[in-house]
Structure formats: structure tokens, C-alpha cells
Amino acid sequence: MTDTRPVECRFFDAEDRRIGTLQLTPRTPGTPLRKIVLDSKTFIEGDGTGFYGENEFSELREVTA
């Protein structure tokens, strides 16, 4: 059985500065990474394969050509 109690999730801006936290339910195994809009900025959940790990969200940077 999966624990669904809220956990503290950390949010980081485009310069990798911690900007705050939110209490969210954990992502269940096998589900896609979550994207969250907070203060008109979009954040994506880390999966542990890169710099950001479980319960950490990084700001998505706009790519300009």
C-alpha cells in the first residue's frame, strides 16, 4: 500500500535558488512527473536521475531559438 500523506516539496527557481515549499501528496510509482504552476511559473518534479530528486521541483526554463 502506498503512503499518501502529504510531504514537504521544495521548489527551486531558474537560478537554482530555493524559493519555497508546499505540502503535496507523494507521486505514486509509475505515474508521469508532475508539472505545477506557482506564481505564474511552471515547475517540473525531479525524478532523481538528474540534479533534482524526489520531492523537489525545478522551474522550467523557456527555450528561445
PDB file of N, CA and C in Angstrom:
ATOM      1  N   MET A   1       0.843  -1.181   0.000  1.00  0.00           N
ATOM      2  CA  MET A   1       0.000   0.000   0.000  1.00  0.00           C
ATOM      3  C   MET A   1       0.892   1.251   0.000  1.00  0.00           C
ATOM      4  N   THR A   2       0.532   2.246  -0.773  1.00  0.00           N
ATOM      5  CA  THR A   2       1.309   3.470  -0.913  1.00  0.00           C
ATOM      6  C   THR A   2       0.887   4.492   0.135  1.00  0.00           C
ATOM      7  N   ASP A   3       1.861   5.120   0.759  1.00  0.00           N
ATOM      8  CA  ASP A   3       1.609   6.172   1.742  1.00  0.00           C
ATOM      9  C   ASP A   3       1.233   7.443   1.003  1.00  0.00           C
ATOM     10  N   THR A   4       0.062   7.990   1.255  1.00  0.00           N
ATOM     11  CA  THR A   4      -0.401   9.188   0.558  1.00  0.00           C
ATOM     12  C   THR A   4      -0.421  10.426   1.457  1.00  0.00           C
ATOM     13  N   ARG A   5       0.221  10.346   2.611  1.00  0.00           N
ATOM     14  CA  ARG A   5       0.276  11.527   3.482  1.00  0.00           C
ATOM     15  C   ARG A   5       1.121  12.606   2.814  1.00  0.00           C
ATOM     16  N   PRO A   6       0.698  13.864   2.896  1.00  0.00           N
ATOM     17  CA  PRO A   6       1.463  14.949   2.280  1.00  0.00           C
ATOM     18  C   PRO A   6       2.892  15.025   2.825  1.00  0.00           C
ATOM     19  N   VAL A   7       3.813  15.379   1.935  1.00  0.00           N
ATOM     20  CA  VAL A   7       5.214  15.573   2.297  1.00  0.00           C
ATOM     21  C   VAL A   7       5.634  16.970   1.847  1.00  0.00           C
ATOM     22  N   GLU A   8       6.687  17.479   2.448  1.00  0.00           N
ATOM     23  CA  GLU A   8       7.180  18.802   2.066  1.00  0.00           C
ATOM     24  C   GLU A   8       7.938  18.702   0.749  1.00  0.00           C
ATOM     25  N   CYS A   9       7.515  19.471  -0.239  1.00  0.00           N
ATOM     26  CA  CYS A   9       8.180  19.524  -1.537  1.00  0.00           C
ATOM     27  C   CYS A   9       8.853  20.884  -1.677  1.00  0.00           C
ATOM     28  N   ARG A  10      10.095  20.868  -2.135  1.00  0.00           N
ATOM     29  CA  ARG A  10      10.890  22.087  -2.269  1.00  0.00           C
ATOM     30  C   ARG A  10      10.866  22.569  -3.722  1.00  0.00           C
ATOM     31  N   PHE A  11      10.780  23.882  -3.888  1.00  0.00           N
ATOM     32  CA  PHE A  11      10.718  24.496  -5.213  1.00  0.00           C
ATOM     33  C   PHE A  11      11.948  25.379  -5.418  1.00  0.00           C
ATOM     34  N   PHE A  12      12.555  25.258  -6.632  1.00  0.00           N
ATOM     35  CA  PHE A  12      13.763  25.991  -6.977  1.00  0.00           C
ATOM     36  C   PHE A  12      13.516  26.797  -8.243  1.00  0.00           C
ATOM     37  N   ASP A  13      14.001  28.047  -8.262  1.00  0.00           N
ATOM     38  CA  ASP A  13      13.808  28.902  -9.432  1.00  0.00           C
ATOM     39  C   ASP A  13      14.832  28.576 -10.521  1.00  0.00           C
ATOM     40  N   ALA A  14      14.814  29.341 -11.599  1.00  0.00           N
ATOM     41  CA  ALA A  14      15.683  29.088 -12.754  1.00  0.00           C
ATOM     42  C   ALA A  14      17.170  29.253 -12.420  1.00  0.00           C
ATOM     43  N   GLU A  15      17.484  29.966 -11.339  1.00  0.00           N
ATOM     44  CA  GLU A  15      18.874  30.134 -10.905  1.00  0.00           C
ATOM     45  C   GLU A  15      19.243  29.135  -9.810  1.00  0.00           C
ATOM     46  N   ASP A  16      18.420  28.115  -9.636  1.00  0.00           N
ATOM     47  CA  ASP A  16      18.628  27.047  -8.646  1.00  0.00           C
ATOM     48  C   ASP A  16      18.588  27.538  -7.203  1.00  0.00           C
ATOM     49  N   ARG A  17      17.880  28.629  -6.955  1.00  0.00           N
ATOM     50  CA  ARG A  17      17.682  29.114  -5.589  1.00  0.00           C
ATOM     51  C   ARG A  17      16.376  28.559  -5.050  1.00  0.00           C
ATOM     52  N   ARG A  18      16.408  28.099  -3.829  1.00  0.00           N
ATOM     53  CA  ARG A  18      15.187  27.591  -3.195  1.00  0.00           C
ATOM     54  C   ARG A  18      14.247  28.753  -2.931  1.00  0.00           C
ATOM     55  N   ILE A  19      13.014  28.639  -3.451  1.00  0.00           N
ATOM     56  CA  ILE A  19      12.084  29.750  -3.313  1.00  0.00           C
ATOM     57  C   ILE A  19      10.906  29.442  -2.403  1.00  0.00           C
ATOM     58  N   GLY A  20      10.750  28.191  -1.989  1.00  0.00           N
ATOM     59  CA  GLY A  20       9.664  27.875  -1.088  1.00  0.00           C
ATOM     60  C   GLY A  20       9.341  26.394  -1.049  1.00  0.00           C
ATOM     61  N   THR A  21       8.318  26.080  -0.268  1.00  0.00           N
ATOM     62  CA  THR A  21       7.883  24.701  -0.122  1.00  0.00           C
ATOM     63  C   THR A  21       6.367  24.624  -0.164  1.00  0.00           C
ATOM     64  N   LEU A  22       5.867  23.448  -0.494  1.00  0.00           N
ATOM     65  CA  LEU A  22       4.438  23.145  -0.444  1.00  0.00           C
ATOM     66  C   LEU A  22       4.277  21.737   0.094  1.00  0.00           C
ATOM     67  N   GLN A  23       3.173  21.475   0.761  1.00  0.00           N
ATOM     68  CA  GLN A  23       2.842  20.132   1.202  1.00  0.00           C
ATOM     69  C   GLN A  23       2.012  19.473   0.097  1.00  0.00           C
ATOM     70  N   LEU A  24       2.552  18.416  -0.514  1.00  0.00           N
ATOM     71  CA  LEU A  24       1.867  17.706  -1.594  1.00  0.00           C
ATOM     72  C   LEU A  24       1.873  16.214  -1.312  1.00  0.00           C
ATOM     73  N   THR A  25       0.902  15.514  -1.866  1.00  0.00           N
ATOM     74  CA  THR A  25       0.924  14.059  -1.754  1.00  0.00           C
ATOM     75  C   THR A  25       2.052  13.525  -2.626  1.00  0.00           C
ATOM     76  N   PRO A  26       2.707  12.459  -2.200  1.00  0.00           N
ATOM     77  CA  PRO A  26       3.804  11.909  -2.991  1.00  0.00           C
ATOM     78  C   PRO A  26       3.314  11.385  -4.339  1.00  0.00           C
ATOM     79  N   ARG A  27       4.214  11.417  -5.325  1.00  0.00           N
ATOM     80  CA  ARG A  27       3.890  10.856  -6.639  1.00  0.00           C
ATOM     81  C   ARG A  27       3.891   9.348  -6.500  1.00  0.00           C
ATOM     82  N   THR A  28       2.881   8.704  -7.050  1.00  0.00           N
ATOM     83  CA  THR A  28       2.812   7.249  -6.986  1.00  0.00           C
ATOM     84  C   THR A  28       3.719   6.641  -8.047  1.00  0.00           C
ATOM     85  N   PRO A  29       4.334   5.499  -7.732  1.00  0.00           N
ATOM     86  CA  PRO A  29       5.237   4.860  -8.699  1.00  0.00           C
ATOM     87  C   PRO A  29       4.535   4.582 -10.029  1.00  0.00           C
ATOM     88  N   GLY A  30       5.264   4.824 -11.116  1.00  0.00           N
ATOM     89  CA  GLY A  30       4.741   4.555 -12.443  1.00  0.00           C
ATOM     90  C   GLY A  30       3.934   5.674 -13.064  1.00  0.00           C
ATOM     91  N   THR A  31       3.718   6.772 -12.332  1.00  0.00           N
ATOM     92  CA  THR A  31       2.976   7.901 -12.894  1.00  0.00           C
ATOM     93  C   THR A  31       3.973   8.920 -13.454  1.00  0.00           C
ATOM     94  N   PRO A  32       3.545   9.714 -14.431  1.00  0.00           N
ATOM     95  CA  PRO A  32       4.453  10.710 -15.010  1.00  0.00           C
ATOM     96  C   PRO A  32       4.831  11.790 -13.997  1.00  0.00           C
ATOM     97  N   LEU A  33       5.942  12.463 -14.264  1.00  0.00           N
ATOM     98  CA  LEU A  33       6.368  13.575 -13.410  1.00  0.00           C
ATOM     99  C   LEU A  33       5.326  14.675 -13.456  1.00  0.00           C
ATOM    100  N   ARG A  34       5.099  15.308 -12.326  1.00  0.00           N
ATOM    101  CA  ARG A  34       4.083  16.362 -12.247  1.00  0.00           C
ATOM    102  C   ARG A  34       4.659  17.709 -12.648  1.00  0.00           C
ATOM    103  N   LYS A  35       3.808  18.519 -13.274  1.00  0.00           N
ATOM    104  CA  LYS A  35       4.129  19.917 -13.569  1.00  0.00           C
ATOM    105  C   LYS A  35       3.146  20.758 -12.765  1.00  0.00           C
ATOM    106  N   ILE A  36       3.681  21.794 -12.116  1.00  0.00           N
ATOM    107  CA  ILE A  36       2.858  22.648 -11.260  1.00  0.00           C
ATOM    108  C   ILE A  36       3.124  24.099 -11.623  1.00  0.00           C
ATOM    109  N   VAL A  37       2.062  24.900 -11.717  1.00  0.00           N
ATOM    110  CA  VAL A  37       2.206  26.337 -11.948  1.00  0.00           C
ATOM    111  C   VAL A  37       2.056  27.029 -10.597  1.00  0.00           C
ATOM    112  N   LEU A  38       3.068  27.815 -10.259  1.00  0.00           N
ATOM    113  CA  LEU A  38       3.111  28.518  -8.985  1.00  0.00           C
ATOM    114  C   LEU A  38       3.617  29.931  -9.252  1.00  0.00           C
ATOM    115  N   ASP A  39       2.848  30.929  -8.878  1.00  0.00           N
ATOM    116  CA  ASP A  39       3.222  32.334  -9.119  1.00  0.00           C
ATOM    117  C   ASP A  39       3.557  32.578 -10.583  1.00  0.00           C
ATOM    118  N   SER A  40       2.751  32.051 -11.471  1.00  0.00           N
ATOM    119  CA  SER A  40       2.859  32.177 -12.935  1.00  0.00           C
ATOM    120  C   SER A  40       4.140  31.583 -13.518  1.00  0.00           C
ATOM    121  N   LYS A  41       4.812  30.723 -12.772  1.00  0.00           N
ATOM    122  CA  LYS A  41       5.985  29.997 -13.256  1.00  0.00           C
ATOM    123  C   LYS A  41       5.657  28.509 -13.238  1.00  0.00           C
ATOM    124  N   THR A  42       6.183  27.770 -14.212  1.00  0.00           N
ATOM    125  CA  THR A  42       5.923  26.338 -14.293  1.00  0.00           C
ATOM    126  C   THR A  42       7.110  25.568 -13.733  1.00  0.00           C
ATOM    127  N   PHE A  43       6.815  24.589 -12.887  1.00  0.00           N
ATOM    128  CA  PHE A  43       7.837  23.767 -12.249  1.00  0.00           C
ATOM    129  C   PHE A  43       7.581  22.307 -12.593  1.00  0.00           C
ATOM    130  N   ILE A  44       8.658  21.523 -12.731  1.00  0.00           N
ATOM    131  CA  ILE A  44       8.540  20.098 -13.000  1.00  0.00           C
ATOM    132  C   ILE A  44       9.231  19.328 -11.872  1.00  0.00           C
ATOM    133  N   GLU A  45       8.651  18.206 -11.572  1.00  0.00           N
ATOM    134  CA  GLU A  45       9.135  17.366 -10.485  1.00  0.00           C
ATOM    135  C   GLU A  45      10.426  16.644 -10.878  1.00  0.00           C
ATOM    136  N   GLY A  46      11.377  16.587  -9.964  1.00  0.00           N
ATOM    137  CA  GLY A  46      12.604  15.839 -10.193  1.00  0.00           C
ATOM    138  C   GLY A  46      12.357  14.355 -10.006  1.00  0.00           C
ATOM    139  N   ASP A  47      13.155  13.535 -10.692  1.00  0.00           N
ATOM    140  CA  ASP A  47      12.973  12.084 -10.581  1.00  0.00           C
ATOM    141  C   ASP A  47      14.195  11.373 -10.027  1.00  0.00           C
ATOM    142  N   GLY A  48      15.209  12.128  -9.626  1.00  0.00           N
ATOM    143  CA  GLY A  48      16.394  11.524  -9.050  1.00  0.00           C
ATOM    144  C   GLY A  48      17.448  11.131 -10.066  1.00  0.00           C
ATOM    145  N   THR A  49      17.155  11.254 -11.360  1.00  0.00           N
ATOM    146  CA  THR A  49      18.155  10.900 -12.368  1.00  0.00           C
ATOM    147  C   THR A  49      19.056  12.079 -12.701  1.00  0.00           C
ATOM    148  N   GLY A  50      18.662  13.263 -12.280  1.00  0.00           N
ATOM    149  CA  GLY A  50      19.451  14.464 -12.534  1.00  0.00           C
ATOM    150  C   GLY A  50      19.760  15.165 -11.227  1.00  0.00           C
ATOM    151  N   PHE A  51      19.853  16.467 -11.291  1.00  0.00           N
ATOM    152  CA  PHE A  51      20.199  17.267 -10.118  1.00  0.00           C
ATOM    153  C   PHE A  51      19.089  17.252  -9.074  1.00  0.00           C
ATOM    154  N   TYR A  52      17.829  17.303  -9.516  1.00  0.00           N
ATOM    155  CA  TYR A  52      16.709  17.379  -8.591  1.00  0.00           C
ATOM    156  C   TYR A  52      16.162  15.997  -8.297  1.00  0.00           C
ATOM    157  N   GLY A  53      15.909  15.747  -7.042  1.00  0.00           N
ATOM    158  CA  GLY A  53      15.463  14.432  -6.610  1.00  0.00           C
ATOM    159  C   GLY A  53      13.997  14.408  -6.224  1.00  0.00           C
ATOM    160  N   GLU A  54      13.647  13.378  -5.516  1.00  0.00           N
ATOM    161  CA  GLU A  54      12.287  13.175  -5.058  1.00  0.00           C
ATOM    162  C   GLU A  54      11.850  14.356  -4.192  1.00  0.00           C
ATOM    163  N   ASN A  55      10.631  14.806  -4.387  1.00  0.00           N
ATOM    164  CA  ASN A  55      10.033  15.920  -3.634  1.00  0.00           C
ATOM    165  C   ASN A  55      10.720  17.262  -3.897  1.00  0.00           C
ATOM    166  N   GLU A  56      11.379  17.391  -5.050  1.00  0.00           N
ATOM    167  CA  GLU A  56      11.971  18.668  -5.455  1.00  0.00           C
ATOM    168  C   GLU A  56      11.449  19.030  -6.840  1.00  0.00           C
ATOM    169  N   PHE A  57      11.135  20.306  -7.018  1.00  0.00           N
ATOM    170  CA  PHE A  57      10.612  20.808  -8.284  1.00  0.00           C
ATOM    171  C   PHE A  57      11.514  21.925  -8.777  1.00  0.00           C
ATOM    172  N   SER A  58      11.829  21.902 -10.070  1.00  0.00           N
ATOM    173  CA  SER A  58      12.654  22.950 -10.651  1.00  0.00           C
ATOM    174  C   SER A  58      11.836  23.733 -11.680  1.00  0.00           C
ATOM    175  N   GLU A  59      12.137  25.012 -11.777  1.00  0.00           N
ATOM    176  CA  GLU A  59      11.437  25.865 -12.732  1.00  0.00           C
ATOM    177  C   GLU A  59      11.825  25.467 -14.156  1.00  0.00           C
ATOM    178  N   LEU A  60      10.826  25.321 -15.001  1.00  0.00           N
ATOM    179  CA  LEU A  60      11.081  25.038 -16.416  1.00  0.00           C
ATOM    180  C   LEU A  60      11.528  26.324 -17.079  1.00  0.00           C
ATOM    181  N   ARG A  61      12.629  26.257 -17.755  1.00  0.00           N
ATOM    182  CA  ARG A  61      13.164  27.428 -18.447  1.00  0.00           C
ATOM    183  C   ARG A  61      12.637  27.463 -19.869  1.00  0.00           C
ATOM    184  N   GLU A  62      12.295  28.653 -20.335  1.00  0.00           N
ATOM    185  CA  GLU A  62      11.832  28.803 -21.711  1.00  0.00           C
ATOM    186  C   GLU A  62      13.024  28.711 -22.633  1.00  0.00           C
ATOM    187  N   VAL A  63      12.857  27.952 -23.702  1.00  0.00           N
ATOM    188  CA  VAL A  63      13.907  27.810 -24.688  1.00  0.00           C
ATOM    189  C   VAL A  63      13.585  28.721 -25.859  1.00  0.00           C
ATOM    190  N   THR A  64      14.539  29.594 -26.186  1.00  0.00           N
ATOM    191  CA  THR A  64      14.334  30.502 -27.322  1.00  0.00           C
ATOM    192  C   THR A  64      15.322  30.127 -28.408  1.00  0.00           C
ATOM    193  N   ALA A  65      14.840  30.174 -29.641  1.00  0.00           N
ATOM    194  CA  ALA A  65      15.698  29.785 -30.769  1.00  0.00           C
ATOM    195  C   ALA A  65      16.449  30.948 -31.327  1.00  0.00           C
TER     196      ALA A  65
END
